[in-house]
Amino acid sequence: MLTVIGEGLVDVVRRGTGDSSAHVGGSPLNVAIGLARLGHAAQFVGRFGSDEYGRMLAKHLAGNSVLVPLPPDGIPTSVATARLDEDGGASYLFDLHWELPGLDAALPKLLDGTSLVHTGSIAAMLQPGADAVLHAVEKAHPQATISYDPNCRPTLVNDVAYARSQAEKFVRLADVVKASDEDLQWLYPHTDPRESARRWLQLGPAVVVVTHGADGPWGVCADGDIQVPAVSVRVADTVGAGDSFMAALISGVVDRELDGAQRRPELRAIRVEQLADMLRYAAAAAAVTVSRAGANPPTRAEFA
């Protein structure tokens, strides 16, 4: 079982033409959907309300065979309004409620049989929920591979020093880290993103990957570093592209049977050639997502 802890929300996408549409989203939820579509047993540990948007989230998760162990609560479901520019790039405004009051008591059951835990984005930054997520990752670390994507949201968490400190807490626990060059430029404004990634590698992960949009992803491990080209595709929008990349990167770890704490030595010994294959696979998944509207990750058959 692969466990994803984090926020689920509804993305209301507004285009320059004045058109708008509502899509289920939230970076961790998108990763859980992506993993399920790639054929992995996945559960989503997050929160949403019992309102109309919450029912939309629950239906979407169930329709993609993602398990949802925590029930809906009485708080409104979170909403992110994405405004798209002429090139399809997205900027966000949030109406977000993030806390997981029942998580600690549910952890033993949630982690039973879990070989990998993924988290990141708002869930790992915004209080009071972020502390609960950190505690869950600490509990999971002795048995599970940990993956992390900071997916920074400066409009929501704008204290750079806090965000940097919080990200580094998760990086120290993580085995696989993915960040965009924009994330790292914001967290470490006077440092080249690749140098920041190399510094993160020294904190503990086996692999740190940096996405560079159309320039393709770059990754570093103990064996060295490698960049692969992006897949050329006509872009509809970039919503969810990083999440599809993250899901496929995790899938690459699981497909190679490198998940589970007992496999940490093997994951840390990964070769650059293996990492390059994983990056190409993840880039191909992201390319499918950007070719169509909204956070709509591909199935394995669509790109593998």
C-alpha atoms as a PDB file:
ATOM      1  CA  MET A   1       0.000   0.000   0.000  1.00  0.00           C
ATOM      2  CA  LEU A   2       1.164   3.501  -0.878  1.00  0.00           C
ATOM      3  CA  THR A   3      -0.078   6.204   1.492  1.00  0.00           C
ATOM      4  CA  VAL A   4      -0.415   9.862   0.527  1.00  0.00           C
ATOM      5  CA  ILE A   5      -0.970  12.400   3.309  1.00  0.00           C
ATOM      6  CA  GLY A   6      -2.071  15.890   2.435  1.00  0.00           C
ATOM      7  CA  GLU A   7      -4.689  18.294   1.206  1.00  0.00           C
ATOM      8  CA  GLY A   8      -7.545  17.661  -1.139  1.00  0.00           C
ATOM      9  CA  LEU A   9      -9.412  20.605  -2.591  1.00  0.00           C
ATOM     10  CA  VAL A  10     -11.377  21.832  -5.549  1.00  0.00           C
ATOM     11  CA  ASP A  11      -9.552  23.843  -8.203  1.00  0.00           C
ATOM     12  CA  VAL A  12     -11.760  26.486  -9.751  1.00  0.00           C
ATOM     13  CA  VAL A  13      -9.934  27.289 -12.992  1.00  0.00           C
ATOM     14  CA  ARG A  14     -10.532  30.723 -14.518  1.00  0.00           C
ATOM     15  CA  ARG A  15      -9.221  31.392 -17.997  1.00  0.00           C
ATOM     16  CA  GLY A  16      -8.476  34.699 -19.656  1.00  0.00           C
ATOM     17  CA  THR A  17     -11.514  34.211 -21.884  1.00  0.00           C
ATOM     18  CA  GLY A  18     -13.770  34.447 -18.811  1.00  0.00           C
ATOM     19  CA  ASP A  19     -14.601  30.729 -18.844  1.00  0.00           C
ATOM     20  CA  SER A  20     -14.346  28.823 -15.564  1.00  0.00           C
ATOM     21  CA  SER A  21     -14.589  25.205 -14.451  1.00  0.00           C
ATOM     22  CA  ALA A  22     -14.250  23.219 -11.223  1.00  0.00           C
ATOM     23  CA  HIS A  23     -11.887  20.267 -10.927  1.00  0.00           C
ATOM     24  CA  VAL A  24     -10.858  18.063  -8.025  1.00  0.00           C
ATOM     25  CA  GLY A  25      -7.287  18.882  -7.021  1.00  0.00           C
ATOM     26  CA  GLY A  26      -4.743  19.420  -4.298  1.00  0.00           C
ATOM     27  CA  SER A  27      -1.180  18.290  -4.928  1.00  0.00           C
ATOM     28  CA  PRO A  28      -1.165  15.222  -2.621  1.00  0.00           C
ATOM     29  CA  LEU A  29      -4.619  14.136  -3.792  1.00  0.00           C
ATOM     30  CA  ASN A  30      -3.438  14.418  -7.407  1.00  0.00           C
ATOM     31  CA  VAL A  31      -0.431  12.234  -6.553  1.00  0.00           C
ATOM     32  CA  ALA A  32      -2.707   9.595  -5.002  1.00  0.00           C
ATOM     33  CA  ILE A  33      -4.875   9.587  -8.133  1.00  0.00           C
ATOM     34  CA  GLY A  34      -1.765   9.393 -10.304  1.00  0.00           C
ATOM     35  CA  LEU A  35      -0.435   6.406  -8.388  1.00  0.00           C
ATOM     36  CA  ALA A  36      -3.746   4.572  -8.640  1.00  0.00           C
ATOM     37  CA  ARG A  37      -3.935   5.198 -12.393  1.00  0.00           C
ATOM     38  CA  LEU A  38      -0.434   3.741 -12.703  1.00  0.00           C
ATOM     39  CA  GLY A  39      -1.705   0.531 -11.132  1.00  0.00           C
ATOM     40  CA  HIS A  40      -0.681   0.929  -7.487  1.00  0.00           C
ATOM     41  CA  ALA A  41      -2.815   0.352  -4.414  1.00  0.00           C
ATOM     42  CA  ALA A  42      -3.065   3.818  -2.869  1.00  0.00           C
ATOM     43  CA  GLN A  43      -4.828   5.509   0.011  1.00  0.00           C
ATOM     44  CA  PHE A  44      -5.396   9.220   0.510  1.00  0.00           C
ATOM     45  CA  VAL A  45      -5.184  10.548   4.058  1.00  0.00           C
ATOM     46  CA  GLY A  46      -6.565  14.066   4.062  1.00  0.00           C
ATOM     47  CA  ARG A  47      -9.647  16.057   4.885  1.00  0.00           C
ATOM     48  CA  PHE A  48     -12.677  17.408   3.095  1.00  0.00           C
ATOM     49  CA  GLY A  49     -16.131  18.454   4.153  1.00  0.00           C
ATOM     50  CA  SER A  50     -19.509  16.836   3.747  1.00  0.00           C
ATOM     51  CA  ASP A  51     -20.572  19.651   1.396  1.00  0.00           C
ATOM     52  CA  GLU A  52     -21.051  19.551  -2.386  1.00  0.00           C
ATOM     53  CA  TYR A  53     -17.338  19.998  -3.111  1.00  0.00           C
ATOM     54  CA  GLY A  54     -16.506  17.309  -0.551  1.00  0.00           C
ATOM     55  CA  ARG A  55     -18.835  14.885  -2.268  1.00  0.00           C
ATOM     56  CA  MET A  56     -17.090  15.760  -5.525  1.00  0.00           C
ATOM     57  CA  LEU A  57     -13.729  14.813  -3.990  1.00  0.00           C
ATOM     58  CA  ALA A  58     -15.080  11.574  -2.504  1.00  0.00           C
ATOM     59  CA  LYS A  59     -16.601  10.536  -5.838  1.00  0.00           C
ATOM     60  CA  HIS A  60     -13.384  11.287  -7.705  1.00  0.00           C
ATOM     61  CA  LEU A  61     -11.254   9.281  -5.279  1.00  0.00           C
ATOM     62  CA  ALA A  62     -13.641   6.323  -5.298  1.00  0.00           C
ATOM     63  CA  GLY A  63     -13.871   6.421  -9.088  1.00  0.00           C
ATOM     64  CA  ASN A  64     -10.099   6.035  -9.266  1.00  0.00           C
ATOM     65  CA  SER A  65      -9.971   3.216  -6.689  1.00  0.00           C
ATOM     66  CA  VAL A  66      -8.157   5.323  -4.078  1.00  0.00           C
ATOM     67  CA  LEU A  67      -8.977   4.306  -0.508  1.00  0.00           C
ATOM     68  CA  VAL A  68     -10.091   7.077   1.861  1.00  0.00           C
ATOM     69  CA  PRO A  69      -9.695   5.923   5.486  1.00  0.00           C
ATOM     70  CA  LEU A  70     -10.668   9.216   7.180  1.00  0.00           C
ATOM     71  CA  PRO A  71     -14.331  10.293   6.914  1.00  0.00           C
ATOM     72  CA  PRO A  72     -15.464  13.780   5.835  1.00  0.00           C
ATOM     73  CA  ASP A  73     -15.818  16.419   8.547  1.00  0.00           C
ATOM     74  CA  GLY A  74     -18.028  19.423   9.182  1.00  0.00           C
ATOM     75  CA  ILE A  75     -15.545  22.037   7.906  1.00  0.00           C
ATOM     76  CA  PRO A  76     -16.015  23.432   4.381  1.00  0.00           C
ATOM     77  CA  THR A  77     -13.990  21.755   1.656  1.00  0.00           C
ATOM     78  CA  SER A  78     -10.957  23.793   0.626  1.00  0.00           C
ATOM     79  CA  VAL A  79     -10.975  25.698  -2.669  1.00  0.00           C
ATOM     80  CA  ALA A  80      -8.079  26.920  -4.828  1.00  0.00           C
ATOM     81  CA  THR A  81      -8.823  29.386  -7.603  1.00  0.00           C
ATOM     82  CA  ALA A  82      -6.343  28.959 -10.460  1.00  0.00           C
ATOM     83  CA  ARG A  83      -6.010  31.803 -12.955  1.00  0.00           C
ATOM     84  CA  LEU A  84      -4.437  30.786 -16.257  1.00  0.00           C
ATOM     85  CA  ASP A  85      -2.304  33.117 -18.338  1.00  0.00           C
ATOM     86  CA  GLU A  86      -2.095  33.076 -22.141  1.00  0.00           C
ATOM     87  CA  ASP A  87       0.528  30.291 -22.059  1.00  0.00           C
ATOM     88  CA  GLY A  88      -1.506  28.069 -19.746  1.00  0.00           C
ATOM     89  CA  GLY A  89       0.564  28.851 -16.638  1.00  0.00           C
ATOM     90  CA  ALA A  90      -1.385  28.872 -13.376  1.00  0.00           C
ATOM     91  CA  SER A  91      -1.370  31.203 -10.361  1.00  0.00           C
ATOM     92  CA  TYR A  92      -3.441  30.358  -7.288  1.00  0.00           C
ATOM     93  CA  LEU A  93      -5.616  31.924  -4.602  1.00  0.00           C
ATOM     94  CA  PHE A  94      -6.657  29.712  -1.682  1.00  0.00           C
ATOM     95  CA  ASP A  95      -9.587  29.372   0.714  1.00  0.00           C
ATOM     96  CA  LEU A  96      -8.075  26.566   2.730  1.00  0.00           C
ATOM     97  CA  HIS A  97      -8.815  24.701   5.948  1.00  0.00           C
ATOM     98  CA  TRP A  98      -5.978  22.390   6.933  1.00  0.00           C
ATOM     99  CA  GLU A  99      -5.992  20.231  10.037  1.00  0.00           C
ATOM    100  CA  LEU A 100      -6.176  16.495  10.713  1.00  0.00           C
ATOM    101  CA  PRO A 101      -7.458  16.054  14.280  1.00  0.00           C
ATOM    102  CA  GLY A 102      -8.022  12.300  13.957  1.00  0.00           C
ATOM    103  CA  LEU A 103      -4.733  11.437  12.294  1.00  0.00           C
ATOM    104  CA  ASP A 104      -2.644  10.491  15.323  1.00  0.00           C
ATOM    105  CA  ALA A 105      -5.156   7.964  16.659  1.00  0.00           C
ATOM    106  CA  ALA A 106      -5.624   6.442  13.203  1.00  0.00           C
ATOM    107  CA  LEU A 107      -1.903   6.160  12.364  1.00  0.00           C
ATOM    108  CA  PRO A 108      -1.229   2.570  13.504  1.00  0.00           C
ATOM    109  CA  LYS A 109      -3.968   1.232  11.238  1.00  0.00           C
ATOM    110  CA  LEU A 110      -3.157   3.623   8.392  1.00  0.00           C
ATOM    111  CA  LEU A 111       0.502   2.622   8.314  1.00  0.00           C
ATOM    112  CA  ASP A 112      -0.112  -1.115   8.595  1.00  0.00           C
ATOM    113  CA  GLY A 113       1.205  -2.580   5.344  1.00  0.00           C
ATOM    114  CA  THR A 114       2.360   0.780   3.987  1.00  0.00           C
ATOM    115  CA  SER A 115       5.661   0.588   2.087  1.00  0.00           C
ATOM    116  CA  LEU A 116       5.827   4.247   1.033  1.00  0.00           C
ATOM    117  CA  VAL A 117       4.451   7.513   2.414  1.00  0.00           C
ATOM    118  CA  HIS A 118       4.273  10.647   0.290  1.00  0.00           C
ATOM    119  CA  THR A 119       3.500  14.158   1.454  1.00  0.00           C
ATOM    120  CA  GLY A 120       4.254  17.765   0.667  1.00  0.00           C
ATOM    121  CA  SER A 121       2.776  21.000  -0.587  1.00  0.00           C
ATOM    122  CA  ILE A 122       0.393  22.931   1.677  1.00  0.00           C
ATOM    123  CA  ALA A 123      -0.012  19.961   4.016  1.00  0.00           C
ATOM    124  CA  ALA A 124       3.619  20.134   5.106  1.00  0.00           C
ATOM    125  CA  MET A 125       3.647  23.923   5.525  1.00  0.00           C
ATOM    126  CA  LEU A 126       0.328  25.221   6.846  1.00  0.00           C
ATOM    127  CA  GLN A 127      -0.427  24.944  10.552  1.00  0.00           C
ATOM    128  CA  PRO A 128      -1.982  23.387  12.521  1.00  0.00           C
ATOM    129  CA  GLY A 129      -2.031  20.421  10.158  1.00  0.00           C
ATOM    130  CA  ALA A 130       1.657  20.557   9.189  1.00  0.00           C
ATOM    131  CA  ASP A 131       2.825  19.427  12.629  1.00  0.00           C
ATOM    132  CA  ALA A 132       0.475  16.454  12.496  1.00  0.00           C
ATOM    133  CA  VAL A 133       1.835  15.494   9.071  1.00  0.00           C
ATOM    134  CA  LEU A 134       5.438  15.768  10.283  1.00  0.00           C
ATOM    135  CA  HIS A 135       4.607  13.514  13.235  1.00  0.00           C
ATOM    136  CA  ALA A 136       3.009  10.976  10.881  1.00  0.00           C
ATOM    137  CA  VAL A 137       6.098  10.935   8.647  1.00  0.00           C
ATOM    138  CA  GLU A 138       8.337  10.460  11.679  1.00  0.00           C
ATOM    139  CA  LYS A 139       6.189   7.487  12.719  1.00  0.00           C
ATOM    140  CA  ALA A 140       6.266   6.019   9.209  1.00  0.00           C
ATOM    141  CA  HIS A 141      10.005   6.443   8.619  1.00  0.00           C
ATOM    142  CA  PRO A 142      11.171   3.207  10.346  1.00  0.00           C
ATOM    143  CA  GLN A 143       9.033   1.072   8.028  1.00  0.00           C
ATOM    144  CA  ALA A 144       8.367   3.051   4.848  1.00  0.00           C
ATOM    145  CA  THR A 145      10.131   4.926   2.089  1.00  0.00           C
ATOM    146  CA  ILE A 146       9.349   8.632   2.390  1.00  0.00           C
ATOM    147  CA  SER A 147       8.829  10.922  -0.600  1.00  0.00           C
ATOM    148  CA  TYR A 148       8.361  14.682  -0.427  1.00  0.00           C
ATOM    149  CA  ASP A 149       7.499  17.554  -2.762  1.00  0.00           C
ATOM    150  CA  PRO A 150       7.557  21.053  -1.211  1.00  0.00           C
ATOM    151  CA  ASN A 151       5.395  22.463  -4.040  1.00  0.00           C
ATOM    152  CA  CYS A 152       5.679  25.901  -2.430  1.00  0.00           C
ATOM    153  CA  ARG A 153       2.710  28.275  -2.379  1.00  0.00           C
ATOM    154  CA  PRO A 154       4.095  31.743  -1.518  1.00  0.00           C
ATOM    155  CA  THR A 155       0.625  33.288  -1.750  1.00  0.00           C
ATOM    156  CA  LEU A 156      -0.449  31.047   1.124  1.00  0.00           C
ATOM    157  CA  VAL A 157       2.730  30.585   3.177  1.00  0.00           C
ATOM    158  CA  ASN A 158       4.813  33.693   2.482  1.00  0.00           C
ATOM    159  CA  ASP A 159       7.364  33.522   5.319  1.00  0.00           C
ATOM    160  CA  VAL A 160      10.403  32.232   3.417  1.00  0.00           C
ATOM    161  CA  ALA A 161      12.475  31.510   6.523  1.00  0.00           C
ATOM    162  CA  TYR A 162       9.669  29.427   8.021  1.00  0.00           C
ATOM    163  CA  ALA A 163       9.011  27.632   4.731  1.00  0.00           C
ATOM    164  CA  ARG A 164      12.715  26.840   4.330  1.00  0.00           C
ATOM    165  CA  SER A 165      12.952  25.460   7.871  1.00  0.00           C
ATOM    166  CA  GLN A 166       9.779  23.420   7.432  1.00  0.00           C
ATOM    167  CA  ALA A 167      10.901  21.999   4.075  1.00  0.00           C
ATOM    168  CA  GLU A 168      14.245  20.936   5.513  1.00  0.00           C
ATOM    169  CA  LYS A 169      12.512  19.012   8.314  1.00  0.00           C
ATOM    170  CA  PHE A 170      10.804  16.858   5.706  1.00  0.00           C
ATOM    171  CA  VAL A 171      13.871  16.606   3.466  1.00  0.00           C
ATOM    172  CA  ARG A 172      15.838  15.132   6.389  1.00  0.00           C
ATOM    173  CA  LEU A 173      13.245  12.366   6.699  1.00  0.00           C
ATOM    174  CA  ALA A 174      12.761  11.797   2.972  1.00  0.00           C
ATOM    175  CA  ASP A 175      14.295   9.222   0.660  1.00  0.00           C
ATOM    176  CA  VAL A 176      13.003  10.755  -2.587  1.00  0.00           C
ATOM    177  CA  VAL A 177      12.531  14.512  -3.016  1.00  0.00           C
ATOM    178  CA  LYS A 178      11.166  16.391  -6.011  1.00  0.00           C
ATOM    179  CA  ALA A 179      11.087  20.184  -6.288  1.00  0.00           C
ATOM    180  CA  SER A 180      10.654  22.630  -9.121  1.00  0.00           C
ATOM    181  CA  ASP A 181      13.363  25.137  -9.917  1.00  0.00           C
ATOM    182  CA  GLU A 182      10.853  27.831  -8.885  1.00  0.00           C
ATOM    183  CA  ASP A 183      10.423  26.179  -5.462  1.00  0.00           C
ATOM    184  CA  LEU A 184      14.164  26.189  -4.846  1.00  0.00           C
ATOM    185  CA  GLN A 185      14.680  29.697  -6.187  1.00  0.00           C
ATOM    186  CA  TRP A 186      12.062  30.959  -3.742  1.00  0.00           C
ATOM    187  CA  LEU A 187      13.416  28.992  -0.776  1.00  0.00           C
ATOM    188  CA  TYR A 188      17.079  29.813  -1.547  1.00  0.00           C
ATOM    189  CA  PRO A 189      16.987  32.983  -3.675  1.00  0.00           C
ATOM    190  CA  HIS A 190      20.764  33.473  -3.956  1.00  0.00           C
ATOM    191  CA  THR A 191      21.653  29.878  -4.816  1.00  0.00           C
ATOM    192  CA  ASP A 192      21.452  27.924  -8.067  1.00  0.00           C
ATOM    193  CA  PRO A 193      18.606  25.371  -7.739  1.00  0.00           C
ATOM    194  CA  ARG A 194      20.931  22.493  -8.573  1.00  0.00           C
ATOM    195  CA  GLU A 195      23.301  23.517  -5.809  1.00  0.00           C
ATOM    196  CA  SER A 196      20.352  23.695  -3.410  1.00  0.00           C
ATOM    197  CA  ALA A 197      19.365  20.186  -4.498  1.00  0.00           C
ATOM    198  CA  ARG A 198      22.884  18.912  -3.861  1.00  0.00           C
ATOM    199  CA  ARG A 199      22.763  20.433  -0.390  1.00  0.00           C
ATOM    200  CA  TRP A 200      19.435  18.725   0.229  1.00  0.00           C
ATOM    201  CA  LEU A 201      20.983  15.412  -0.822  1.00  0.00           C
ATOM    202  CA  GLN A 202      23.495  15.851   1.992  1.00  0.00           C
ATOM    203  CA  LEU A 203      20.632  16.099   4.489  1.00  0.00           C
ATOM    204  CA  GLY A 204      19.629  12.482   3.919  1.00  0.00           C
ATOM    205  CA  PRO A 205      17.644  11.644   0.757  1.00  0.00           C
ATOM    206  CA  ALA A 206      18.772   9.031  -1.752  1.00  0.00           C
ATOM    207  CA  VAL A 207      17.510  11.070  -4.695  1.00  0.00           C
ATOM    208  CA  VAL A 208      16.692  14.744  -5.223  1.00  0.00           C
ATOM    209  CA  VAL A 209      15.036  15.775  -8.484  1.00  0.00           C
ATOM    210  CA  VAL A 210      14.555  19.290  -9.845  1.00  0.00           C
ATOM    211  CA  THR A 211      12.022  19.957 -12.599  1.00  0.00           C
ATOM    212  CA  HIS A 212      12.804  22.739 -15.077  1.00  0.00           C
ATOM    213  CA  GLY A 213       9.624  22.894 -17.167  1.00  0.00           C
ATOM    214  CA  ALA A 214      10.385  22.709 -20.879  1.00  0.00           C
ATOM    215  CA  ASP A 215      14.107  22.232 -20.157  1.00  0.00           C
ATOM    216  CA  GLY A 216      13.459  18.799 -18.650  1.00  0.00           C
ATOM    217  CA  PRO A 217      14.105  17.321 -15.202  1.00  0.00           C
ATOM    218  CA  TRP A 218      17.480  16.975 -13.514  1.00  0.00           C
ATOM    219  CA  GLY A 219      18.310  14.625 -10.664  1.00  0.00           C
ATOM    220  CA  VAL A 220      21.146  13.887  -8.302  1.00  0.00           C
ATOM    221  CA  CYS A 221      22.047  10.819  -6.265  1.00  0.00           C
ATOM    222  CA  ALA A 222      25.211   9.522  -4.615  1.00  0.00           C
ATOM    223  CA  ASP A 223      26.358   8.157  -8.002  1.00  0.00           C
ATOM    224  CA  GLY A 224      26.161  11.532  -9.733  1.00  0.00           C
ATOM    225  CA  ASP A 225      23.688  13.751 -11.556  1.00  0.00           C
ATOM    226  CA  ILE A 226      21.793  13.603 -14.822  1.00  0.00           C
ATOM    227  CA  GLN A 227      19.360  15.676 -16.889  1.00  0.00           C
ATOM    228  CA  VAL A 228      16.904  14.317 -19.434  1.00  0.00           C
ATOM    229  CA  PRO A 229      14.921  16.295 -22.017  1.00  0.00           C
ATOM    230  CA  ALA A 230      11.293  17.208 -21.575  1.00  0.00           C
ATOM    231  CA  VAL A 231       8.796  15.559 -23.906  1.00  0.00           C
ATOM    232  CA  SER A 232       7.680  17.942 -26.639  1.00  0.00           C
ATOM    233  CA  VAL A 233       3.920  18.408 -26.510  1.00  0.00           C
ATOM    234  CA  ARG A 234       1.302  21.066 -27.184  1.00  0.00           C
ATOM    235  CA  VAL A 235       0.399  22.546 -23.796  1.00  0.00           C
ATOM    236  CA  ALA A 236      -3.235  22.942 -22.749  1.00  0.00           C
ATOM    237  CA  ASP A 237      -2.291  24.049 -19.232  1.00  0.00           C
ATOM    238  CA  THR A 238       0.260  23.138 -16.567  1.00  0.00           C
ATOM    239  CA  VAL A 239      -2.200  22.323 -13.766  1.00  0.00           C
ATOM    240  CA  GLY A 240      -1.175  19.082 -12.048  1.00  0.00           C
ATOM    241  CA  ALA A 241       1.899  18.458 -14.210  1.00  0.00           C
ATOM    242  CA  GLY A 242       4.271  18.350 -11.241  1.00  0.00           C
ATOM    243  CA  ASP A 243       1.940  15.989  -9.398  1.00  0.00           C
ATOM    244  CA  SER A 244       1.821  13.586 -12.341  1.00  0.00           C
ATOM    245  CA  PHE A 245       5.613  13.755 -12.478  1.00  0.00           C
ATOM    246  CA  MET A 246       5.793  12.998  -8.747  1.00  0.00           C
ATOM    247  CA  ALA A 247       3.418  10.052  -9.003  1.00  0.00           C
ATOM    248  CA  ALA A 248       5.409   8.544 -11.880  1.00  0.00           C
ATOM    249  CA  LEU A 249       8.693   9.122 -10.033  1.00  0.00           C
ATOM    250  CA  ILE A 250       7.299   7.242  -7.023  1.00  0.00           C
ATOM    251  CA  SER A 251       6.009   4.570  -9.384  1.00  0.00           C
ATOM    252  CA  GLY A 252       9.533   4.186 -10.743  1.00  0.00           C
ATOM    253  CA  VAL A 253      10.792   3.478  -7.230  1.00  0.00           C
ATOM    254  CA  VAL A 254       8.036   0.949  -6.550  1.00  0.00           C
ATOM    255  CA  ASP A 255       8.350  -0.743  -9.950  1.00  0.00           C
ATOM    256  CA  ARG A 256      12.022  -1.380  -9.150  1.00  0.00           C
ATOM    257  CA  GLU A 257      11.047  -2.825  -5.749  1.00  0.00           C
ATOM    258  CA  LEU A 258      13.010  -0.140  -3.925  1.00  0.00           C
ATOM    259  CA  ASP A 259      10.172   0.860  -1.582  1.00  0.00           C
ATOM    260  CA  GLY A 260      10.112   0.017   2.117  1.00  0.00           C
ATOM    261  CA  ALA A 261      12.608   1.023   4.791  1.00  0.00           C
ATOM    262  CA  GLN A 262      14.427  -2.287   4.396  1.00  0.00           C
ATOM    263  CA  ARG A 263      15.323  -1.250   0.823  1.00  0.00           C
ATOM    264  CA  ARG A 264      16.948   2.048   1.804  1.00  0.00           C
ATOM    265  CA  PRO A 265      20.499   0.785   1.221  1.00  0.00           C
ATOM    266  CA  GLU A 266      19.561  -0.315  -2.310  1.00  0.00           C
ATOM    267  CA  LEU A 267      17.793   2.972  -3.042  1.00  0.00           C
ATOM    268  CA  ARG A 268      20.820   4.930  -1.839  1.00  0.00           C
ATOM    269  CA  ALA A 269      22.980   2.863  -4.204  1.00  0.00           C
ATOM    270  CA  ILE A 270      20.880   3.753  -7.254  1.00  0.00           C
ATOM    271  CA  ARG A 271      22.939   4.357 -10.390  1.00  0.00           C
ATOM    272  CA  VAL A 272      22.675   7.451 -12.565  1.00  0.00           C
ATOM    273  CA  GLU A 273      21.439   5.326 -15.471  1.00  0.00           C
ATOM    274  CA  GLN A 274      18.538   4.046 -13.358  1.00  0.00           C
ATOM    275  CA  LEU A 275      17.727   7.563 -12.227  1.00  0.00           C
ATOM    276  CA  ALA A 276      17.704   8.747 -15.850  1.00  0.00           C
ATOM    277  CA  ASP A 277      15.175   6.044 -16.761  1.00  0.00           C
ATOM    278  CA  MET A 278      12.961   7.142 -13.870  1.00  0.00           C
ATOM    279  CA  LEU A 279      13.196  10.785 -14.931  1.00  0.00           C
ATOM    280  CA  ARG A 280      12.245   9.950 -18.525  1.00  0.00           C
ATOM    281  CA  TYR A 281       9.249   7.967 -17.292  1.00  0.00           C
ATOM    282  CA  ALA A 282       8.109  10.796 -15.006  1.00  0.00           C
ATOM    283  CA  ALA A 283       8.611  13.405 -17.747  1.00  0.00           C
ATOM    284  CA  ALA A 284       6.453  11.346 -20.109  1.00  0.00           C
ATOM    285  CA  ALA A 285       3.653  11.225 -17.514  1.00  0.00           C
ATOM    286  CA  ALA A 286       3.834  14.990 -17.010  1.00  0.00           C
ATOM    287  CA  ALA A 287       3.701  15.542 -20.767  1.00  0.00           C
ATOM    288  CA  VAL A 288       0.375  13.731 -21.028  1.00  0.00           C
ATOM    289  CA  THR A 289      -1.029  15.868 -18.221  1.00  0.00           C
ATOM    290  CA  VAL A 290      -0.024  19.213 -19.745  1.00  0.00           C
ATOM    291  CA  SER A 291      -1.522  18.161 -23.074  1.00  0.00           C
ATOM    292  CA  ARG A 292      -5.034  18.240 -21.588  1.00  0.00           C
ATOM    293  CA  ALA A 293      -6.965  20.546 -19.307  1.00  0.00           C
ATOM    294  CA  GLY A 294      -6.800  20.287 -15.534  1.00  0.00           C
ATOM    295  CA  ALA A 295      -5.022  17.927 -13.158  1.00  0.00           C
ATOM    296  CA  ASN A 296      -5.687  14.754 -15.124  1.00  0.00           C
ATOM    297  CA  PRO A 297      -2.834  12.267 -14.642  1.00  0.00           C
ATOM    298  CA  PRO A 298      -2.392   9.473 -17.159  1.00  0.00           C
ATOM    299  CA  THR A 299      -2.822   5.752 -16.855  1.00  0.00           C
ATOM    300  CA  ARG A 300       0.233   3.620 -17.512  1.00  0.00           C
ATOM    301  CA  ALA A 301      -1.146   2.588 -20.906  1.00  0.00           C
ATOM    302  CA  GLU A 302      -1.321   6.213 -22.066  1.00  0.00           C
ATOM    303  CA  PHE A 303       2.412   6.814 -22.075  1.00  0.00           C
ATOM    304  CA  ALA A 304       4.496   3.812 -21.014  1.00  0.00           C
END
